Amino acid sequence: MTPGEAPLRPASSVVADSVVADSAIAESALAESALAEAQLAGSELAEPELASHLDQLIEALRSPETGLGAARRWGRLLAAPLTAGHRLLVAGNGGSAAEAQHLTAELVGRYVADRPPLSAIALHAETSSLTAIGNDFGPAEAFARQVAAHGRPGDTLMLLSASGHSENVLAAAVRARSLGIRVWAMTGPPPNPLATVADDAICVAAPDTATVQEVHLVAIHALCDALDAEVTSP
C-alpha cells in the first residue's frame, strides 16, 4: 500500500459504497440517457426493444447495487501511486478488452485536461506475449504471467469481465494478490468469482452483457474524471 492511501476494502463492501457520495457522474449519465429516450420517443426508431434496453441501462446506472461511486474513489486512490511512477495493469476479453484499453488510452494520453502521462498497460494488447504464453503455458496463464512480469507492489491490476467467470482474468487476479498487487474488478451482477477474489469490485446490476459493458464505460469515465481532478488540484 502506498503511504497515505486509505485501507483497501473487500469486494463484499462495494454495495454499501453505492452512489450516495459521488452521484454526479451517474446523474449526468442518467440525464443523457433520459434525453436520448425522449428524443427517440415518437420517432420511427422508438422500437420496443430499444426502449427496453434504455430502461435497463437507466435502472442499472441508478441501482445502489452497481455502486458507481466506487469508480470515483478508485480514481482518487490511483492518483498518488500513478504520479509516483507506479502503473495500472488492465485486462479483459472481447468487449471488456476494448473497454479496458479505452481506459489505458485515457491515462497515457488524456481524458479532458492536459496532464503528465500516466503508466497504464493493457495486457491483452501484447499480442506476441499473449499468443506465446497461451501456446506454451495454456490460455489461463495469458494474463497471469504478464502480471508476474510487469507488476510490482504498489501497482494496481484492473480486470473487466461481464460474467466474472473468465478463467484467464481469475488467474490474473489470484497471481496479482500473491504478489502484493491491488486488484480491482468490474463485473456483471454479484455474486461472481472475480468480484470475490478482487480487493474491490463494481458489480453492475444488469442481466445483459451489453448493458453491463455500457455501465462499465460510464465507470471508466468517472474514474478518469476523479483522477484528473486529484492530479490537477492545487
Protein backbone atom coordinates (compact mmCIF):
# COMPACT_ATOMS: atom_id res chain seq x y z
CA MET A 1 0.00 0.00 0.00
CA THR A 2 1.35 3.45 -0.90
CA PRO A 3 1.82 5.74 2.17
CA GLY A 4 -1.22 7.93 2.72
CA GLU A 5 -3.68 5.62 0.94
CA ALA A 6 -6.91 4.66 2.62
CA PRO A 7 -7.11 0.97 3.70
CA LEU A 8 -8.44 -1.34 1.00
CA ARG A 9 -11.96 -2.62 1.43
CA PRO A 10 -13.13 -6.12 0.47
CA ALA A 11 -15.28 -6.63 -2.57
CA SER A 12 -18.22 -7.53 -0.34
CA SER A 13 -18.43 -3.92 0.84
CA VAL A 14 -18.96 -2.43 -2.62
CA VAL A 15 -22.77 -2.40 -2.37
CA ALA A 16 -22.62 -0.21 0.71
CA ASP A 17 -20.42 2.31 -1.10
CA SER A 18 -23.10 2.88 -3.80
CA VAL A 19 -23.50 6.31 -5.36
CA VAL A 20 -24.55 8.41 -2.40
CA ALA A 21 -21.32 10.40 -2.06
CA ASP A 22 -20.36 10.56 -5.73
CA SER A 23 -23.55 10.68 -7.77
CA ALA A 24 -22.67 13.48 -10.20
CA ILE A 25 -21.33 11.20 -12.95
CA ALA A 26 -24.21 8.75 -12.62
CA GLU A 27 -26.78 11.54 -12.66
CA SER A 28 -25.18 13.04 -15.75
CA ALA A 29 -25.29 9.67 -17.50
CA LEU A 30 -28.91 9.23 -16.45
CA ALA A 31 -29.80 12.65 -17.79
CA GLU A 32 -28.16 11.88 -21.13
CA SER A 33 -29.94 8.54 -21.34
CA ALA A 34 -33.26 10.15 -20.46
CA LEU A 35 -32.72 12.83 -23.11
CA ALA A 36 -31.92 10.21 -25.71
CA GLU A 37 -35.02 8.27 -24.75
CA ALA A 38 -37.16 11.39 -25.01
CA GLN A 39 -35.75 12.25 -28.43
CA LEU A 40 -36.43 8.76 -29.69
CA ALA A 41 -39.96 8.66 -28.35
CA GLY A 42 -42.44 9.18 -31.13
CA SER A 43 -39.87 8.65 -33.88
CA GLU A 44 -39.53 5.68 -36.20
CA LEU A 45 -36.57 4.50 -34.08
CA ALA A 46 -38.62 4.22 -30.91
CA GLU A 47 -38.94 0.45 -31.12
CA PRO A 48 -39.94 -1.61 -28.07
CA GLU A 49 -36.57 -3.38 -27.98
CA LEU A 50 -34.68 -0.09 -27.89
CA ALA A 51 -36.96 1.37 -25.22
CA SER A 52 -36.47 -1.78 -23.14
CA HIS A 53 -32.70 -1.54 -23.49
CA LEU A 54 -32.69 2.11 -22.41
CA ASP A 55 -34.89 1.28 -19.42
CA GLN A 56 -32.47 -1.46 -18.37
CA LEU A 57 -29.48 0.85 -18.76
CA ILE A 58 -31.06 3.61 -16.66
CA GLU A 59 -32.07 1.11 -13.99
CA ALA A 60 -28.51 -0.28 -13.81
CA LEU A 61 -26.98 3.20 -13.58
CA ARG A 62 -29.39 4.16 -10.82
CA SER A 63 -29.09 0.95 -8.81
CA PRO A 64 -27.24 1.21 -5.47
CA GLU A 65 -26.02 -2.35 -6.09
CA THR A 66 -23.93 -1.13 -9.02
CA GLY A 67 -22.02 1.29 -6.77
CA LEU A 68 -20.72 3.75 -9.37
CA GLY A 69 -19.36 5.91 -6.55
CA ALA A 70 -16.57 3.33 -6.18
CA ALA A 71 -15.21 4.37 -9.59
CA ARG A 72 -14.55 7.89 -8.37
CA ARG A 73 -12.96 6.55 -5.20
CA TRP A 74 -10.69 4.39 -7.35
CA GLY A 75 -9.69 7.43 -9.40
CA ARG A 76 -8.70 9.31 -6.27
CA LEU A 77 -6.77 6.32 -4.93
CA LEU A 78 -4.87 5.89 -8.21
CA ALA A 79 -3.69 9.49 -8.40
CA ALA A 80 -0.82 9.23 -5.90
CA PRO A 81 0.71 5.91 -6.99
CA LEU A 82 0.48 6.67 -10.72
CA THR A 83 2.06 10.10 -10.36
CA ALA A 84 4.77 8.48 -8.20
CA GLY A 85 5.72 6.08 -11.02
CA HIS A 86 3.60 3.01 -10.28
CA ARG A 87 1.47 1.57 -13.05
CA LEU A 88 -2.02 0.35 -13.77
CA LEU A 89 -2.33 -3.02 -15.49
CA VAL A 90 -5.65 -3.84 -17.14
CA ALA A 91 -7.09 -6.85 -18.95
CA GLY A 92 -10.31 -8.26 -20.30
CA ASN A 93 -11.75 -10.39 -23.10
CA GLY A 94 -13.69 -9.25 -26.15
CA GLY A 95 -15.73 -6.12 -25.46
CA SER A 96 -14.24 -5.89 -21.98
CA ALA A 97 -10.76 -5.84 -23.54
CA ALA A 98 -11.80 -2.90 -25.72
CA GLU A 99 -13.12 -1.01 -22.70
CA ALA A 100 -10.00 -1.74 -20.64
CA GLN A 101 -7.87 -0.42 -23.50
CA HIS A 102 -10.09 2.65 -23.66
CA LEU A 103 -9.04 3.33 -20.05
CA THR A 104 -5.33 2.99 -20.75
CA ALA A 105 -5.66 5.41 -23.67
CA GLU A 106 -7.26 7.99 -21.38
CA LEU A 107 -4.42 7.67 -18.87
CA VAL A 108 -1.44 7.52 -21.21
CA GLY A 109 -2.99 10.25 -23.35
CA ARG A 110 -5.52 12.42 -21.58
CA TYR A 111 -9.14 12.38 -20.51
CA VAL A 112 -10.08 16.08 -20.72
CA ALA A 113 -7.44 18.39 -19.27
CA ASP A 114 -3.79 18.08 -20.18
CA ARG A 115 -1.57 16.49 -17.53
CA PRO A 116 1.57 14.34 -17.43
CA PRO A 117 1.12 10.87 -18.99
CA LEU A 118 0.44 8.05 -16.55
CA SER A 119 1.66 4.46 -16.90
CA ALA A 120 -1.14 2.09 -17.91
CA ILE A 121 -0.69 -1.18 -19.81
CA ALA A 122 -3.40 -3.28 -21.48
CA LEU A 123 -2.15 -6.84 -21.13
CA HIS A 124 -4.47 -8.22 -23.83
CA ALA A 125 -2.89 -5.83 -26.37
CA GLU A 126 0.51 -7.55 -26.05
CA THR A 127 -0.30 -9.94 -28.87
CA SER A 128 3.05 -11.69 -29.22
CA SER A 129 3.31 -12.29 -25.47
CA LEU A 130 -0.35 -13.26 -25.31
CA THR A 131 -0.08 -15.90 -28.02
CA ALA A 132 3.30 -17.21 -26.86
CA ILE A 133 2.08 -17.66 -23.30
CA GLY A 134 -1.15 -19.25 -24.47
CA ASN A 135 0.77 -21.67 -26.67
CA ASP A 136 3.42 -22.61 -24.09
CA PHE A 137 1.54 -22.42 -20.79
CA GLY A 138 -2.14 -22.58 -21.71
CA PRO A 139 -4.78 -19.86 -22.18
CA ALA A 140 -5.48 -19.50 -18.46
CA GLU A 141 -1.95 -18.08 -17.99
CA ALA A 142 -2.30 -15.44 -20.73
CA PHE A 143 -2.69 -12.52 -18.31
CA ALA A 144 -1.32 -14.03 -15.09
CA ARG A 145 2.19 -14.48 -16.46
CA GLN A 146 2.23 -10.90 -17.72
CA VAL A 147 1.13 -9.70 -14.29
CA ALA A 148 4.11 -11.54 -12.80
CA ALA A 149 6.42 -9.95 -15.39
CA HIS A 150 5.21 -6.35 -15.22
CA GLY A 151 3.55 -5.95 -11.82
CA ARG A 152 5.26 -4.64 -8.71
CA PRO A 153 3.98 -3.96 -5.19
CA GLY A 154 2.23 -0.60 -5.29
CA ASP A 155 0.80 -1.25 -8.76
CA THR A 156 -2.88 -1.91 -9.43
CA LEU A 157 -4.48 -4.54 -11.66
CA MET A 158 -7.96 -3.78 -13.01
CA LEU A 159 -9.87 -6.65 -14.60
CA LEU A 160 -13.07 -6.31 -16.62
CA SER A 161 -15.40 -9.24 -17.13
CA ALA A 162 -19.13 -9.04 -17.77
CA SER A 163 -19.59 -12.56 -16.40
CA GLY A 164 -16.96 -12.52 -13.69
CA HIS A 165 -16.14 -16.14 -14.54
CA SER A 166 -13.42 -15.86 -17.23
CA GLU A 167 -10.61 -18.24 -16.35
CA ASN A 168 -7.77 -16.04 -17.57
CA VAL A 169 -8.87 -12.95 -15.60
CA LEU A 170 -9.42 -15.05 -12.47
CA ALA A 171 -5.90 -16.47 -12.76
CA ALA A 172 -4.52 -12.94 -13.18
CA ALA A 173 -6.34 -11.78 -10.05
CA VAL A 174 -5.01 -14.65 -7.97
CA ARG A 175 -1.44 -14.10 -9.24
CA ALA A 176 -1.61 -10.37 -8.53
CA ARG A 177 -2.87 -10.91 -4.98
CA SER A 178 0.02 -13.33 -4.36
CA LEU A 179 2.48 -10.64 -5.48
CA GLY A 180 1.04 -7.89 -3.31
CA ILE A 181 -0.62 -6.08 -6.21
CA ARG A 182 -4.00 -4.49 -5.57
CA VAL A 183 -6.84 -5.96 -7.65
CA TRP A 184 -9.98 -4.14 -8.74
CA ALA A 185 -12.71 -5.68 -10.88
CA MET A 186 -15.62 -4.51 -12.99
CA THR A 187 -18.14 -7.29 -13.47
CA GLY A 188 -21.79 -8.09 -14.01
CA PRO A 189 -24.19 -8.96 -11.20
CA PRO A 190 -22.85 -10.47 -7.99
CA PRO A 191 -22.05 -12.95 -6.72
CA ASN A 192 -19.32 -13.98 -9.12
CA PRO A 193 -15.80 -15.41 -8.64
CA LEU A 194 -13.90 -12.36 -9.88
CA ALA A 195 -15.69 -9.98 -7.52
CA THR A 196 -14.97 -12.38 -4.68
CA VAL A 197 -11.22 -12.62 -5.31
CA ALA A 198 -10.70 -8.90 -6.00
CA ASP A 199 -9.88 -6.34 -3.32
CA ASP A 200 -12.78 -4.21 -4.54
CA ALA A 201 -15.36 -4.52 -7.31
CA ILE A 202 -18.06 -2.68 -9.21
CA CYS A 203 -20.76 -5.26 -9.94
CA VAL A 204 -23.31 -3.95 -12.44
CA ALA A 205 -26.86 -4.94 -11.56
CA ALA A 206 -27.99 -5.81 -15.09
CA PRO A 207 -28.81 -9.15 -16.75
CA ASP A 208 -27.49 -8.35 -20.26
CA THR A 209 -23.83 -8.18 -21.24
CA ALA A 210 -24.39 -5.11 -23.42
CA THR A 211 -25.82 -3.12 -20.51
CA VAL A 212 -23.06 -4.26 -18.17
CA GLN A 213 -20.41 -3.06 -20.63
CA GLU A 214 -22.17 0.28 -21.16
CA VAL A 215 -22.16 0.91 -17.41
CA HIS A 216 -18.50 -0.12 -17.24
CA LEU A 217 -17.71 2.67 -19.71
CA VAL A 218 -19.52 5.19 -17.51
CA ALA A 219 -17.49 3.90 -14.55
CA ILE A 220 -14.25 4.26 -16.52
CA HIS A 221 -15.05 7.89 -17.31
CA ALA A 222 -16.00 8.53 -13.68
CA LEU A 223 -12.64 7.11 -12.61
CA CYS A 224 -10.76 9.29 -15.09
CA ASP A 225 -12.67 12.39 -14.05
CA ALA A 226 -11.87 11.87 -10.37
CA LEU A 227 -8.23 11.00 -11.06
CA ASP A 228 -7.72 14.13 -13.18
CA ALA A 229 -9.33 16.28 -10.51
CA GLU A 230 -6.95 14.83 -7.92
CA VAL A 231 -3.85 15.18 -10.10
CA THR A 232 -4.57 18.72 -11.28
CA SER A 233 -5.82 20.13 -7.97
CA PRO A 234 -3.59 22.83 -6.43
